[in-house]
Amino acid sequence: VDPSEEKSNEVVIAELSAGLVLAFSLAMLYLAGSFTFTGKFQP
């Protein structure tokens, strides 16, 4: 979208870390919902 934009290595690493933690948090919500309705972590 914007070829002139350039990110520093620090910003890229921070985004990778944030994406990993946010994805893990979403997965925990997914598993919590599964446990609430089925009583076990399917599958």
PDB file of all heavy atoms in Angstrom:
ATOM      1  N   VAL A   1       0.827  -1.205   0.000  1.00  0.00           N
ATOM      2  CA  VAL A   1       0.000   0.000   0.000  1.00  0.00           C
ATOM      3  C   VAL A   1       0.862   1.256   0.000  1.00  0.00           C
ATOM      4  O   VAL A   1       0.581   2.218  -0.700  1.00  0.00           O
ATOM      5  CB  VAL A   1      -0.949  -0.009   1.217  1.00  0.00           C
ATOM      6  CG1 VAL A   1      -1.696   1.312   1.328  1.00  0.00           C
ATOM      7  CG2 VAL A   1      -1.929  -1.160   1.093  1.00  0.00           C
ATOM      8  N   ASP A   2       1.937   1.271   0.804  1.00  0.00           N
ATOM      9  CA  ASP A   2       2.804   2.441   0.919  1.00  0.00           C
ATOM     10  C   ASP A   2       4.257   1.986   0.840  1.00  0.00           C
ATOM     11  O   ASP A   2       4.880   1.687   1.853  1.00  0.00           O
ATOM     12  CB  ASP A   2       2.550   3.169   2.245  1.00  0.00           C
ATOM     13  CG  ASP A   2       3.353   4.456   2.355  1.00  0.00           C
ATOM     14  OD1 ASP A   2       4.022   4.814   1.373  1.00  0.00           O
ATOM     15  OD2 ASP A   2       3.309   5.103   3.419  1.00  0.00           O
ATOM     16  N   PRO A   3       4.837   1.928  -0.389  1.00  0.00           N
ATOM     17  CA  PRO A   3       6.204   1.441  -0.537  1.00  0.00           C
ATOM     18  C   PRO A   3       7.237   2.290   0.178  1.00  0.00           C
ATOM     19  O   PRO A   3       8.336   1.829   0.452  1.00  0.00           O
ATOM     20  CB  PRO A   3       6.421   1.480  -2.065  1.00  0.00           C
ATOM     21  CG  PRO A   3       5.059   1.496  -2.658  1.00  0.00           C
ATOM     22  CD  PRO A   3       4.198   2.237  -1.676  1.00  0.00           C
ATOM     23  N   SER A   4       6.905   3.565   0.471  1.00  0.00           N
ATOM     24  CA  SER A   4       7.867   4.452   1.124  1.00  0.00           C
ATOM     25  C   SER A   4       7.985   4.179   2.612  1.00  0.00           C
ATOM     26  O   SER A   4       8.932   4.620   3.256  1.00  0.00           O
ATOM     27  CB  SER A   4       7.470   5.921   0.911  1.00  0.00           C
ATOM     28  OG  SER A   4       6.246   6.208   1.551  1.00  0.00           O
ATOM     29  N   GLU A   5       7.025   3.464   3.182  1.00  0.00           N
ATOM     30  CA  GLU A   5       7.059   3.203   4.615  1.00  0.00           C
ATOM     31  C   GLU A   5       8.095   2.126   4.932  1.00  0.00           C
ATOM     32  O   GLU A   5       8.176   1.104   4.281  1.00  0.00           O
ATOM     33  CB  GLU A   5       5.687   2.755   5.114  1.00  0.00           C
ATOM     34  CG  GLU A   5       5.648   2.502   6.613  1.00  0.00           C
ATOM     35  CD  GLU A   5       4.268   2.086   7.099  1.00  0.00           C
ATOM     36  OE1 GLU A   5       3.357   1.983   6.254  1.00  0.00           O
ATOM     37  OE2 GLU A   5       4.103   1.875   8.300  1.00  0.00           O
ATOM     38  N   GLU A   6       8.869   2.401   5.945  1.00  0.00           N
ATOM     39  CA  GLU A   6       9.885   1.441   6.359  1.00  0.00           C
ATOM     40  C   GLU A   6       9.847   1.316   7.873  1.00  0.00           C
ATOM     41  O   GLU A   6       9.839   2.310   8.588  1.00  0.00           O
ATOM     42  CB  GLU A   6      11.270   1.887   5.912  1.00  0.00           C
ATOM     43  CG  GLU A   6      12.341   0.878   6.251  1.00  0.00           C
ATOM     44  CD  GLU A   6      13.705   1.321   5.779  1.00  0.00           C
ATOM     45  OE1 GLU A   6      13.828   2.479   5.379  1.00  0.00           O
ATOM     46  OE2 GLU A   6      14.637   0.506   5.817  1.00  0.00           O
ATOM     47  N   LYS A   7       9.828   0.086   8.352  1.00  0.00           N
ATOM     48  CA  LYS A   7       9.797  -0.150   9.785  1.00  0.00           C
ATOM     49  C   LYS A   7      11.168  -0.608  10.267  1.00  0.00           C
ATOM     50  O   LYS A   7      11.867  -1.326   9.571  1.00  0.00           O
ATOM     51  CB  LYS A   7       8.757  -1.230  10.123  1.00  0.00           C
ATOM     52  CG  LYS A   7       7.317  -0.811   9.901  1.00  0.00           C
ATOM     53  CD  LYS A   7       6.381  -1.915  10.365  1.00  0.00           C
ATOM     54  CE  LYS A   7       4.932  -1.505  10.189  1.00  0.00           C
ATOM     55  NZ  LYS A   7       4.013  -2.548  10.652  1.00  0.00           N
ATOM     56  N   SER A   8      11.508  -0.181  11.473  1.00  0.00           N
ATOM     57  CA  SER A   8      12.759  -0.619  12.068  1.00  0.00           C
ATOM     58  C   SER A   8      12.633  -2.068  12.526  1.00  0.00           C
ATOM     59  O   SER A   8      11.531  -2.597  12.688  1.00  0.00           O
ATOM     60  CB  SER A   8      13.118   0.277  13.251  1.00  0.00           C
ATOM     61  OG  SER A   8      12.150   0.146  14.279  1.00  0.00           O
ATOM     62  N   ASN A   9      13.779  -2.692  12.743  1.00  0.00           N
ATOM     63  CA  ASN A   9      13.770  -4.070  13.229  1.00  0.00           C
ATOM     64  C   ASN A   9      13.083  -4.179  14.583  1.00  0.00           C
ATOM     65  O   ASN A   9      12.409  -5.170  14.878  1.00  0.00           O
ATOM     66  CB  ASN A   9      15.206  -4.587  13.335  1.00  0.00           C
ATOM     67  CG  ASN A   9      15.877  -4.719  11.977  1.00  0.00           C
ATOM     68  OD1 ASN A   9      15.203  -4.913  10.968  1.00  0.00           O
ATOM     69  ND2 ASN A   9      17.186  -4.604  11.950  1.00  0.00           N
ATOM     70  N   GLU A  10      13.242  -3.134  15.414  1.00  0.00           N
ATOM     71  CA  GLU A  10      12.621  -3.154  16.734  1.00  0.00           C
ATOM     72  C   GLU A  10      11.102  -3.206  16.631  1.00  0.00           C
ATOM     73  O   GLU A  10      10.430  -3.930  17.377  1.00  0.00           O
ATOM     74  CB  GLU A  10      13.057  -1.930  17.543  1.00  0.00           C
ATOM     75  CG  GLU A  10      14.521  -1.924  17.957  1.00  0.00           C
ATOM     76  CD  GLU A  10      15.442  -1.498  16.835  1.00  0.00           C
ATOM     77  OE1 GLU A  10      14.933  -1.128  15.752  1.00  0.00           O
ATOM     78  OE2 GLU A  10      16.680  -1.539  17.026  1.00  0.00           O
ATOM     79  N   VAL A  11      10.552  -2.426  15.698  1.00  0.00           N
ATOM     80  CA  VAL A  11       9.095  -2.398  15.531  1.00  0.00           C
ATOM     81  C   VAL A  11       8.588  -3.740  15.025  1.00  0.00           C
ATOM     82  O   VAL A  11       7.563  -4.259  15.502  1.00  0.00           O
ATOM     83  CB  VAL A  11       8.693  -1.267  14.564  1.00  0.00           C
ATOM     84  CG1 VAL A  11       7.210  -1.338  14.227  1.00  0.00           C
ATOM     85  CG2 VAL A  11       9.021   0.095  15.172  1.00  0.00           C
ATOM     86  N   VAL A  12       9.282  -4.331  14.062  1.00  0.00           N
ATOM     87  CA  VAL A  12       8.859  -5.627  13.514  1.00  0.00           C
ATOM     88  C   VAL A  12       8.887  -6.705  14.602  1.00  0.00           C
ATOM     89  O   VAL A  12       7.949  -7.507  14.736  1.00  0.00           O
ATOM     90  CB  VAL A  12       9.763  -6.032  12.335  1.00  0.00           C
ATOM     91  CG1 VAL A  12       9.427  -7.439  11.868  1.00  0.00           C
ATOM     92  CG2 VAL A  12       9.587  -5.047  11.179  1.00  0.00           C
ATOM     93  N   ILE A  13       9.954  -6.723  15.400  1.00  0.00           N
ATOM     94  CA  ILE A  13      10.055  -7.722  16.476  1.00  0.00           C
ATOM     95  C   ILE A  13       8.944  -7.504  17.499  1.00  0.00           C
ATOM     96  O   ILE A  13       8.329  -8.468  17.991  1.00  0.00           O
ATOM     97  CB  ILE A  13      11.435  -7.641  17.144  1.00  0.00           C
ATOM     98  CG1 ILE A  13      12.520  -8.103  16.154  1.00  0.00           C
ATOM     99  CG2 ILE A  13      11.479  -8.496  18.406  1.00  0.00           C
ATOM    100  CD1 ILE A  13      13.927  -7.909  16.647  1.00  0.00           C
ATOM    101  N   ALA A  14       8.664  -6.235  17.822  1.00  0.00           N
ATOM    102  CA  ALA A  14       7.590  -5.951  18.782  1.00  0.00           C
ATOM    103  C   ALA A  14       6.240  -6.415  18.254  1.00  0.00           C
ATOM    104  O   ALA A  14       5.414  -6.964  19.001  1.00  0.00           O
ATOM    105  CB  ALA A  14       7.557  -4.453  19.086  1.00  0.00           C
ATOM    106  N   GLU A  15       5.990  -6.226  16.967  1.00  0.00           N
ATOM    107  CA  GLU A  15       4.723  -6.661  16.383  1.00  0.00           C
ATOM    108  C   GLU A  15       4.626  -8.191  16.358  1.00  0.00           C
ATOM    109  O   GLU A  15       3.546  -8.750  16.590  1.00  0.00           O
ATOM    110  CB  GLU A  15       4.573  -6.088  14.977  1.00  0.00           C
ATOM    111  CG  GLU A  15       4.312  -4.581  14.955  1.00  0.00           C
ATOM    112  CD  GLU A  15       3.925  -4.090  13.578  1.00  0.00           C
ATOM    113  OE1 GLU A  15       4.063  -4.871  12.605  1.00  0.00           O
ATOM    114  OE2 GLU A  15       3.484  -2.929  13.473  1.00  0.00           O
ATOM    115  N   LEU A  16       5.732  -8.862  16.071  1.00  0.00           N
ATOM    116  CA  LEU A  16       5.715 -10.322  16.106  1.00  0.00           C
ATOM    117  C   LEU A  16       5.382 -10.830  17.510  1.00  0.00           C
ATOM    118  O   LEU A  16       4.570 -11.753  17.677  1.00  0.00           O
ATOM    119  CB  LEU A  16       7.069 -10.873  15.663  1.00  0.00           C
ATOM    120  CG  LEU A  16       7.401 -10.789  14.166  1.00  0.00           C
ATOM    121  CD1 LEU A  16       8.862 -11.152  13.932  1.00  0.00           C
ATOM    122  CD2 LEU A  16       6.497 -11.708  13.354  1.00  0.00           C
ATOM    123  N   SER A  17       5.996 -10.211  18.511  1.00  0.00           N
ATOM    124  CA  SER A  17       5.739 -10.627  19.891  1.00  0.00           C
ATOM    125  C   SER A  17       4.291 -10.351  20.284  1.00  0.00           C
ATOM    126  O   SER A  17       3.619 -11.202  20.893  1.00  0.00           O
ATOM    127  CB  SER A  17       6.687  -9.892  20.842  1.00  0.00           C
ATOM    128  OG  SER A  17       8.036 -10.165  20.523  1.00  0.00           O
ATOM    129  N   ALA A  18       3.798  -9.154  19.924  1.00  0.00           N
ATOM    130  CA  ALA A  18       2.422  -8.805  20.271  1.00  0.00           C
ATOM    131  C   ALA A  18       1.434  -9.723  19.571  1.00  0.00           C
ATOM    132  O   ALA A  18       0.441 -10.173  20.164  1.00  0.00           O
ATOM    133  CB  ALA A  18       2.147  -7.344  19.899  1.00  0.00           C
ATOM    134  N   GLY A  19       1.679 -10.039  18.293  1.00  0.00           N
ATOM    135  CA  GLY A  19       0.787 -10.933  17.560  1.00  0.00           C
ATOM    136  C   GLY A  19       0.734 -12.316  18.170  1.00  0.00           C
ATOM    137  O   GLY A  19      -0.339 -12.932  18.268  1.00  0.00           O
ATOM    138  N   LEU A  20       1.897 -12.821  18.631  1.00  0.00           N
ATOM    139  CA  LEU A  20       1.939 -14.142  19.240  1.00  0.00           C
ATOM    140  C   LEU A  20       1.142 -14.174  20.551  1.00  0.00           C
ATOM    141  O   LEU A  20       0.332 -15.079  20.783  1.00  0.00           O
ATOM    142  CB  LEU A  20       3.390 -14.540  19.501  1.00  0.00           C
ATOM    143  CG  LEU A  20       3.614 -15.897  20.182  1.00  0.00           C
ATOM    144  CD1 LEU A  20       3.040 -17.011  19.324  1.00  0.00           C
ATOM    145  CD2 LEU A  20       5.098 -16.117  20.431  1.00  0.00           C
ATOM    146  N   VAL A  21       1.346 -13.151  21.386  1.00  0.00           N
ATOM    147  CA  VAL A  21       0.644 -13.126  22.674  1.00  0.00           C
ATOM    148  C   VAL A  21      -0.860 -12.935  22.481  1.00  0.00           C
ATOM    149  O   VAL A  21      -1.677 -13.577  23.160  1.00  0.00           O
ATOM    150  CB  VAL A  21       1.229 -12.013  23.566  1.00  0.00           C
ATOM    151  CG1 VAL A  21       0.416 -11.878  24.859  1.00  0.00           C
ATOM    152  CG2 VAL A  21       2.682 -12.309  23.897  1.00  0.00           C
ATOM    153  N   LEU A  22      -1.237 -12.059  21.548  1.00  0.00           N
ATOM    154  CA  LEU A  22      -2.663 -11.846  21.299  1.00  0.00           C
ATOM    155  C   LEU A  22      -3.318 -13.114  20.749  1.00  0.00           C
ATOM    156  O   LEU A  22      -4.448 -13.452  21.120  1.00  0.00           O
ATOM    157  CB  LEU A  22      -2.858 -10.676  20.334  1.00  0.00           C
ATOM    158  CG  LEU A  22      -2.588  -9.281  20.913  1.00  0.00           C
ATOM    159  CD1 LEU A  22      -2.641  -8.236  19.809  1.00  0.00           C
ATOM    160  CD2 LEU A  22      -3.599  -8.948  21.996  1.00  0.00           C
ATOM    161  N   ALA A  23      -2.607 -13.814  19.847  1.00  0.00           N
ATOM    162  CA  ALA A  23      -3.148 -15.060  19.312  1.00  0.00           C
ATOM    163  C   ALA A  23      -3.320 -16.093  20.427  1.00  0.00           C
ATOM    164  O   ALA A  23      -4.329 -16.809  20.481  1.00  0.00           O
ATOM    165  CB  ALA A  23      -2.225 -15.600  18.220  1.00  0.00           C
ATOM    166  N   PHE A  24      -2.354 -16.170  21.324  1.00  0.00           N
ATOM    167  CA  PHE A  24      -2.459 -17.108  22.450  1.00  0.00           C
ATOM    168  C   PHE A  24      -3.656 -16.749  23.337  1.00  0.00           C
ATOM    169  O   PHE A  24      -4.399 -17.627  23.788  1.00  0.00           O
ATOM    170  CB  PHE A  24      -1.168 -17.064  23.266  1.00  0.00           C
ATOM    171  CG  PHE A  24      -1.176 -17.979  24.458  1.00  0.00           C
ATOM    172  CD1 PHE A  24      -0.988 -19.340  24.313  1.00  0.00           C
ATOM    173  CD2 PHE A  24      -1.380 -17.477  25.732  1.00  0.00           C
ATOM    174  CE1 PHE A  24      -1.003 -20.185  25.403  1.00  0.00           C
ATOM    175  CE2 PHE A  24      -1.391 -18.306  26.832  1.00  0.00           C
ATOM    176  CZ  PHE A  24      -1.199 -19.665  26.667  1.00  0.00           C
ATOM    177  N   SER A  25      -3.866 -15.452  23.565  1.00  0.00           N
ATOM    178  CA  SER A  25      -4.996 -15.031  24.387  1.00  0.00           C
ATOM    179  C   SER A  25      -6.327 -15.380  23.732  1.00  0.00           C
ATOM    180  O   SER A  25      -7.273 -15.833  24.399  1.00  0.00           O
ATOM    181  CB  SER A  25      -4.914 -13.518  24.635  1.00  0.00           C
ATOM    182  OG  SER A  25      -3.703 -13.174  25.275  1.00  0.00           O
ATOM    183  N   LEU A  26      -6.410 -15.197  22.417  1.00  0.00           N
ATOM    184  CA  LEU A  26      -7.632 -15.567  21.703  1.00  0.00           C
ATOM    185  C   LEU A  26      -7.869 -17.076  21.788  1.00  0.00           C
ATOM    186  O   LEU A  26      -9.012 -17.532  21.939  1.00  0.00           O
ATOM    187  CB  LEU A  26      -7.538 -15.126  20.244  1.00  0.00           C
ATOM    188  CG  LEU A  26      -7.660 -13.626  19.952  1.00  0.00           C
ATOM    189  CD1 LEU A  26      -7.446 -13.377  18.471  1.00  0.00           C
ATOM    190  CD2 LEU A  26      -9.014 -13.100  20.378  1.00  0.00           C
ATOM    191  N   ALA A  27      -6.789 -17.841  21.669  1.00  0.00           N
ATOM    192  CA  ALA A  27      -6.937 -19.296  21.762  1.00  0.00           C
ATOM    193  C   ALA A  27      -7.430 -19.706  23.143  1.00  0.00           C
ATOM    194  O   ALA A  27      -8.238 -20.636  23.280  1.00  0.00           O
ATOM    195  CB  ALA A  27      -5.597 -19.969  21.453  1.00  0.00           C
ATOM    196  N   MET A  28      -6.978 -19.015  24.173  1.00  0.00           N
ATOM    197  CA  MET A  28      -7.444 -19.320  25.523  1.00  0.00           C
ATOM    198  C   MET A  28      -8.948 -19.054  25.654  1.00  0.00           C
ATOM    199  O   MET A  28      -9.681 -19.811  26.300  1.00  0.00           O
ATOM    200  CB  MET A  28      -6.665 -18.494  26.546  1.00  0.00           C
ATOM    201  CG  MET A  28      -5.203 -18.895  26.701  1.00  0.00           C
ATOM    202  SD  MET A  28      -4.980 -20.629  27.215  1.00  0.00           S
ATOM    203  CE  MET A  28      -4.610 -21.401  25.631  1.00  0.00           C
ATOM    204  N   LEU A  29      -9.404 -17.953  25.048  1.00  0.00           N
ATOM    205  CA  LEU A  29     -10.841 -17.673  25.062  1.00  0.00           C
ATOM    206  C   LEU A  29     -11.608 -18.770  24.323  1.00  0.00           C
ATOM    207  O   LEU A  29     -12.691 -19.203  24.746  1.00  0.00           O
ATOM    208  CB  LEU A  29     -11.119 -16.309  24.424  1.00  0.00           C
ATOM    209  CG  LEU A  29     -10.677 -15.076  25.222  1.00  0.00           C
ATOM    210  CD1 LEU A  29     -10.973 -13.813  24.427  1.00  0.00           C
ATOM    211  CD2 LEU A  29     -11.393 -15.030  26.566  1.00  0.00           C
ATOM    212  N   TYR A  30     -11.045 -19.231  23.196  1.00  0.00           N
ATOM    213  CA  TYR A  30     -11.677 -20.294  22.425  1.00  0.00           C
ATOM    214  C   TYR A  30     -11.780 -21.576  23.259  1.00  0.00           C
ATOM    215  O   TYR A  30     -12.827 -22.229  23.316  1.00  0.00           O
ATOM    216  CB  TYR A  30     -10.853 -20.533  21.156  1.00  0.00           C
ATOM    217  CG  TYR A  30     -11.299 -21.716  20.328  1.00  0.00           C
ATOM    218  CD1 TYR A  30     -12.343 -21.586  19.421  1.00  0.00           C
ATOM    219  CD2 TYR A  30     -10.667 -22.950  20.447  1.00  0.00           C
ATOM    220  CE1 TYR A  30     -12.751 -22.670  18.661  1.00  0.00           C
ATOM    221  CE2 TYR A  30     -11.063 -24.030  19.691  1.00  0.00           C
ATOM    222  CZ  TYR A  30     -12.105 -23.882  18.796  1.00  0.00           C
ATOM    223  OH  TYR A  30     -12.498 -24.966  18.036  1.00  0.00           O
ATOM    224  N   LEU A  31     -10.688 -21.930  23.927  1.00  0.00           N
ATOM    225  CA  LEU A  31     -10.684 -23.142  24.740  1.00  0.00           C
ATOM    226  C   LEU A  31     -11.588 -23.000  25.961  1.00  0.00           C
ATOM    227  O   LEU A  31     -12.232 -23.966  26.380  1.00  0.00           O
ATOM    228  CB  LEU A  31      -9.255 -23.468  25.182  1.00  0.00           C
ATOM    229  CG  LEU A  31      -8.285 -23.857  24.053  1.00  0.00           C
ATOM    230  CD1 LEU A  31      -6.892 -24.080  24.611  1.00  0.00           C
ATOM    231  CD2 LEU A  31      -8.772 -25.105  23.328  1.00  0.00           C
ATOM    232  N   ALA A  32     -11.622 -21.793  26.529  1.00  0.00           N
ATOM    233  CA  ALA A  32     -12.504 -21.571  27.679  1.00  0.00           C
ATOM    234  C   ALA A  32     -13.961 -21.759  27.282  1.00  0.00           C
ATOM    235  O   ALA A  32     -14.766 -22.333  28.014  1.00  0.00           O
ATOM    236  CB  ALA A  32     -12.269 -20.177  28.246  1.00  0.00           C
ATOM    237  N   GLY A  33     -14.320 -21.271  26.085  1.00  0.00           N
ATOM    238  CA  GLY A  33     -15.691 -21.462  25.607  1.00  0.00           C
ATOM    239  C   GLY A  33     -15.996 -22.921  25.367  1.00  0.00           C
ATOM    240  O   GLY A  33     -17.088 -23.416  25.683  1.00  0.00           O
ATOM    241  N   SER A  34     -15.020 -23.661  24.803  1.00  0.00           N
ATOM    242  CA  SER A  34     -15.221 -25.094  24.578  1.00  0.00           C
ATOM    243  C   SER A  34     -15.434 -25.833  25.889  1.00  0.00           C
ATOM    244  O   SER A  34     -16.299 -26.695  26.008  1.00  0.00           O
ATOM    245  CB  SER A  34     -14.016 -25.666  23.829  1.00  0.00           C
ATOM    246  OG  SER A  34     -14.114 -27.063  23.710  1.00  0.00           O
ATOM    247  N   PHE A  35     -14.648 -25.472  26.896  1.00  0.00           N
ATOM    248  CA  PHE A  35     -14.764 -26.137  28.184  1.00  0.00           C
ATOM    249  C   PHE A  35     -16.097 -25.814  28.854  1.00  0.00           C
ATOM    250  O   PHE A  35     -16.723 -26.672  29.490  1.00  0.00           O
ATOM    251  CB  PHE A  35     -13.607 -25.707  29.081  1.00  0.00           C
ATOM    252  CG  PHE A  35     -13.627 -26.357  30.437  1.00  0.00           C
ATOM    253  CD1 PHE A  35     -13.182 -27.659  30.597  1.00  0.00           C
ATOM    254  CD2 PHE A  35     -14.113 -25.681  31.534  1.00  0.00           C
ATOM    255  CE1 PHE A  35     -13.203 -28.267  31.837  1.00  0.00           C
ATOM    256  CE2 PHE A  35     -14.142 -26.278  32.777  1.00  0.00           C
ATOM    257  CZ  PHE A  35     -13.687 -27.578  32.937  1.00  0.00           C
ATOM    258  N   THR A  36     -16.566 -24.581  28.696  1.00  0.00           N
ATOM    259  CA  THR A  36     -17.820 -24.168  29.325  1.00  0.00           C
ATOM    260  C   THR A  36     -18.998 -24.979  28.801  1.00  0.00           C
ATOM    261  O   THR A  36     -19.888 -25.400  29.558  1.00  0.00           O
ATOM    262  CB  THR A  36     -18.067 -22.673  29.076  1.00  0.00           C
ATOM    263  OG1 THR A  36     -16.987 -21.930  29.653  1.00  0.00           O
ATOM    264  CG2 THR A  36     -19.374 -22.222  29.700  1.00  0.00           C
ATOM    265  N   PHE A  37     -19.012 -25.243  27.485  1.00  0.00           N
ATOM    266  CA  PHE A  37     -20.172 -25.913  26.889  1.00  0.00           C
ATOM    267  C   PHE A  37     -20.054 -27.434  26.891  1.00  0.00           C
ATOM    268  O   PHE A  37     -21.069 -28.135  26.893  1.00  0.00           O
ATOM    269  CB  PHE A  37     -20.369 -25.422  25.446  1.00  0.00           C
ATOM    270  CG  PHE A  37     -20.884 -24.014  25.373  1.00  0.00           C
ATOM    271  CD1 PHE A  37     -20.036 -22.971  25.064  1.00  0.00           C
ATOM    272  CD2 PHE A  37     -22.211 -23.725  25.639  1.00  0.00           C
ATOM    273  CE1 PHE A  37     -20.498 -21.674  25.006  1.00  0.00           C
ATOM    274  CE2 PHE A  37     -22.677 -22.417  25.586  1.00  0.00           C
ATOM    275  CZ  PHE A  37     -21.820 -21.398  25.281  1.00  0.00           C
ATOM    276  N   THR A  38     -18.873 -27.984  26.845  1.00  0.00           N
ATOM    277  CA  THR A  38     -18.722 -29.434  26.725  1.00  0.00           C
ATOM    278  C   THR A  38     -18.123 -30.091  27.969  1.00  0.00           C
ATOM    279  O   THR A  38     -18.176 -31.312  28.110  1.00  0.00           O
ATOM    280  CB  THR A  38     -17.822 -29.784  25.522  1.00  0.00           C
ATOM    281  OG1 THR A  38     -16.499 -29.296  25.772  1.00  0.00           O
ATOM    282  CG2 THR A  38     -18.358 -29.162  24.244  1.00  0.00           C
ATOM    283  N   GLY A  39     -17.523 -29.282  28.838  1.00  0.00           N
ATOM    284  CA  GLY A  39     -16.902 -29.838  30.026  1.00  0.00           C
ATOM    285  C   GLY A  39     -15.533 -30.432  29.780  1.00  0.00           C
ATOM    286  O   GLY A  39     -14.916 -30.986  30.680  1.00  0.00           O
ATOM    287  N   LYS A  40     -15.017 -30.295  28.549  1.00  0.00           N
ATOM    288  CA  LYS A  40     -13.667 -30.766  28.248  1.00  0.00           C
ATOM    289  C   LYS A  40     -13.131 -29.979  27.069  1.00  0.00           C
ATOM    290  O   LYS A  40     -13.890 -29.341  26.326  1.00  0.00           O
ATOM    291  CB  LYS A  40     -13.655 -32.260  27.934  1.00  0.00           C
ATOM    292  CG  LYS A  40     -14.579 -32.674  26.802  1.00  0.00           C
ATOM    293  CD  LYS A  40     -14.548 -34.188  26.610  1.00  0.00           C
ATOM    294  CE  LYS A  40     -15.522 -34.604  25.505  1.00  0.00           C
ATOM    295  NZ  LYS A  40     -15.493 -36.062  25.280  1.00  0.00           N
ATOM    296  N   PHE A  41     -11.826 -30.020  26.908  1.00  0.00           N
ATOM    297  CA  PHE A  41     -11.184 -29.241  25.863  1.00  0.00           C
ATOM    298  C   PHE A  41     -11.163 -30.057  24.574  1.00  0.00           C
ATOM    299  O   PHE A  41     -10.230 -30.811  24.298  1.00  0.00           O
ATOM    300  CB  PHE A  41      -9.762 -28.864  26.274  1.00  0.00           C
ATOM    301  CG  PHE A  41      -9.713 -27.941  27.451  1.00  0.00           C
ATOM    302  CD1 PHE A  41      -9.178 -28.358  28.657  1.00  0.00           C
ATOM    303  CD2 PHE A  41     -10.204 -26.646  27.356  1.00  0.00           C
ATOM    304  CE1 PHE A  41      -9.132 -27.508  29.744  1.00  0.00           C
ATOM    305  CE2 PHE A  41     -10.157 -25.792  28.441  1.00  0.00           C
ATOM    306  CZ  PHE A  41      -9.627 -26.213  29.644  1.00  0.00           C
ATOM    307  N   GLN A  42     -12.210 -29.931  23.771  1.00  0.00           N
ATOM    308  CA  GLN A  42     -12.272 -30.640  22.499  1.00  0.00           C
ATOM    309  C   GLN A  42     -11.381 -29.931  21.491  1.00  0.00           C
ATOM    310  O   GLN A  42     -11.337 -28.696  21.454  1.00  0.00           O
ATOM    311  CB  GLN A  42     -13.713 -30.657  21.970  1.00  0.00           C
ATOM    312  CG  GLN A  42     -14.653 -31.506  22.783  1.00  0.00           C
ATOM    313  CD  GLN A  42     -14.409 -32.998  22.580  1.00  0.00           C
ATOM    314  OE1 GLN A  42     -13.543 -33.387  21.806  1.00  0.00           O
ATOM    315  NE2 GLN A  42     -15.143 -33.828  23.290  1.00  0.00           N
ATOM    316  N   PRO A  43     -10.679 -30.613  20.611  1.00  0.00           N
ATOM    317  CA  PRO A  43     -10.602 -32.067  20.510  1.00  0.00           C
ATOM    318  C   PRO A  43      -9.396 -32.632  21.241  1.00  0.00           C
ATOM    319  O   PRO A  43      -8.826 -33.616  20.815  1.00  0.00           O
ATOM    320  CB  PRO A  43     -10.466 -32.268  19.010  1.00  0.00           C
ATOM    321  CG  PRO A  43      -9.549 -31.136  18.604  1.00  0.00           C
ATOM    322  CD  PRO A  43      -9.924 -29.988  19.493  1.00  0.00           C
TER     323      PRO A  43
END
